C-alpha cells in the first residue's frame, strides 16, 4: 500500500481548498475527498500519515471515516463546528478540531503528528475529488 501524507475530507469545497492548499504550500502531499465514500476508496488505496475529516458528511458519519483511518494507522482528526453536539465516546476529544480551522492550526497538528514534509517546494499535487 502506497503511503501519502494527508487526506482532507470535507463536503465544503472552500474548506478543502483552503486547508489542502495551506498544507500543499508547506510541502505536504495532500489528497482531497468530498464524501465518506470517496474517502473510503482512498483509504483502501493509500496509507495516510494524517486524515482530517468533517464530522457531518452528506453520505455518512465522518467519525466512522476517522475510525477507519485510525485503524489503518493514521493520525485521524474530526473537524466540526458542532463539537459540543458530538456523542461522547464516538470521537477521541484529543483528536478534534473546531471549525473554522485555521490553516496554521492544521499545519501545527500535521507537524506534531507526522513531522515536517519530505519535500519543501511550493508546487503541490492533489488527487481525489475536489
Foldseek 3Di string as FASTA:
>chain_A
DAEFEEEEEALDPVLQCQLVLLLLQQPGAYEYEDALVLLVVVVVVYQYQEYEYEQDGPVDGRLVSQVSNVVSPHLYAYEECPVVPDDPPSHDVVRYDYPPDDSVNVVVVSCVRPNRHPDGHRDYDYDTDD
